[in-house]
């Protein structure tokens, strides 16, 4: 039986490459970040058009923020999408660097 693409697959953390990755329907979406001291900077959020509009970018940002919270890191949303997403989710305001 084929996988149901409406059920989100988990976001993977590629710590060596400093990114979070979500794969859907043969495409890869990712969030790139850097860490300097105790600040995680979200530098890019990239979702291919073919899988856009499904909330994947938000899922990537939320996962990165939860990772930062667990590691007691502050967050600098250098990517415009991450900045806008955080603006809509005040429950993460305490993480802002």
Protein backbone atom coordinates (compact mmCIF):
# COMPACT_ATOMS: atom_id res chain seq x y z
CA UNK A 1 0.00 0.00 0.00
CA UNK A 2 1.46 3.44 -0.89
CA UNK A 3 2.24 5.89 1.88
CA UNK A 4 -0.43 8.50 2.62
CA UNK A 5 1.24 11.81 1.72
CA UNK A 6 -1.30 13.70 3.85
CA UNK A 7 0.37 12.28 6.97
CA UNK A 8 3.50 14.33 7.64
CA UNK A 9 6.75 12.47 7.94
CA UNK A 10 9.01 13.45 10.79
CA UNK A 11 11.54 16.19 10.43
CA UNK A 12 15.09 14.86 10.49
CA UNK A 13 17.96 16.75 12.08
CA UNK A 14 21.18 16.67 10.07
CA UNK A 15 23.38 18.10 12.80
CA UNK A 16 26.60 17.70 10.79
CA UNK A 17 25.20 19.91 8.01
CA UNK A 18 23.34 22.22 10.43
CA UNK A 19 19.90 21.69 8.95
CA UNK A 20 16.48 20.21 9.55
CA UNK A 21 15.00 18.24 6.65
CA UNK A 22 11.49 17.10 5.72
CA UNK A 23 10.88 14.83 2.74
CA UNK A 24 7.53 14.70 0.97
CA UNK A 25 6.59 13.08 -2.32
CA UNK A 26 10.21 12.72 -3.39
CA UNK A 27 11.12 16.34 -2.61
CA UNK A 28 13.26 17.73 0.19
CA UNK A 29 12.47 20.85 2.20
CA UNK A 30 15.04 22.19 4.60
CA UNK A 31 15.85 24.77 7.21
CA UNK A 32 19.51 25.79 7.49
CA UNK A 33 20.98 27.27 10.65
CA UNK A 34 24.20 28.28 12.32
CA UNK A 35 25.15 28.30 15.98
CA UNK A 36 27.47 30.86 17.54
CA UNK A 37 27.80 30.71 21.29
CA UNK A 38 24.30 30.25 22.66
CA UNK A 39 22.50 31.67 19.58
CA UNK A 40 20.96 29.56 16.85
CA UNK A 41 20.43 31.66 13.71
CA UNK A 42 17.89 30.37 11.20
CA UNK A 43 19.46 31.36 7.88
CA UNK A 44 17.25 29.76 5.22
CA UNK A 45 13.96 27.94 4.95
CA UNK A 46 13.54 26.28 1.56
CA UNK A 47 10.46 24.38 0.39
CA UNK A 48 10.24 23.31 -3.26
CA UNK A 49 7.16 24.64 -5.05
CA UNK A 50 5.97 21.09 -5.73
CA UNK A 51 5.34 20.54 -2.01
CA UNK A 52 4.55 24.11 -0.98
CA UNK A 53 1.39 25.16 0.81
CA UNK A 54 1.31 22.20 3.17
CA UNK A 55 2.74 23.83 6.29
CA UNK A 56 6.11 22.16 5.87
CA UNK A 57 8.12 25.37 6.37
CA UNK A 58 6.26 26.01 9.62
CA UNK A 59 6.92 22.45 10.74
CA UNK A 60 10.64 22.97 10.08
CA UNK A 61 10.71 26.25 12.02
CA UNK A 62 8.78 24.78 14.95
CA UNK A 63 11.18 21.82 15.09
CA UNK A 64 14.21 24.13 15.05
CA UNK A 65 12.71 26.25 17.83
CA UNK A 66 11.98 23.19 19.96
CA UNK A 67 15.56 22.04 19.39
CA UNK A 68 16.81 25.46 20.50
CA UNK A 69 14.58 25.40 23.58
CA UNK A 70 15.79 21.93 24.58
CA UNK A 71 19.41 23.05 24.17
CA UNK A 72 18.84 26.34 26.02
CA UNK A 73 19.76 28.32 22.91
CA UNK A 74 18.44 31.74 21.91
CA UNK A 75 17.15 32.15 18.34
CA UNK A 76 17.85 34.80 15.73
CA UNK A 77 15.45 34.39 12.79
CA UNK A 78 17.69 35.73 9.99
CA UNK A 79 15.38 34.18 7.37
CA UNK A 80 12.30 36.26 6.53
CA UNK A 81 9.99 33.25 6.73
CA UNK A 82 11.25 32.28 10.19
CA UNK A 83 10.88 35.89 11.34
CA UNK A 84 7.27 36.05 10.11
CA UNK A 85 6.45 32.62 11.58
CA UNK A 86 7.82 33.58 14.97
CA UNK A 87 5.80 36.80 14.79
CA UNK A 88 2.64 34.70 14.48
CA UNK A 89 3.63 32.38 17.34
CA UNK A 90 4.29 34.43 20.48
CA UNK A 91 4.74 31.25 22.51
CA UNK A 92 8.32 31.29 21.18
CA UNK A 93 9.07 34.94 22.05
CA UNK A 94 11.18 33.84 25.01
CA UNK A 95 13.71 32.31 22.58
CA UNK A 96 14.48 35.50 20.67
CA UNK A 97 18.11 36.57 20.80
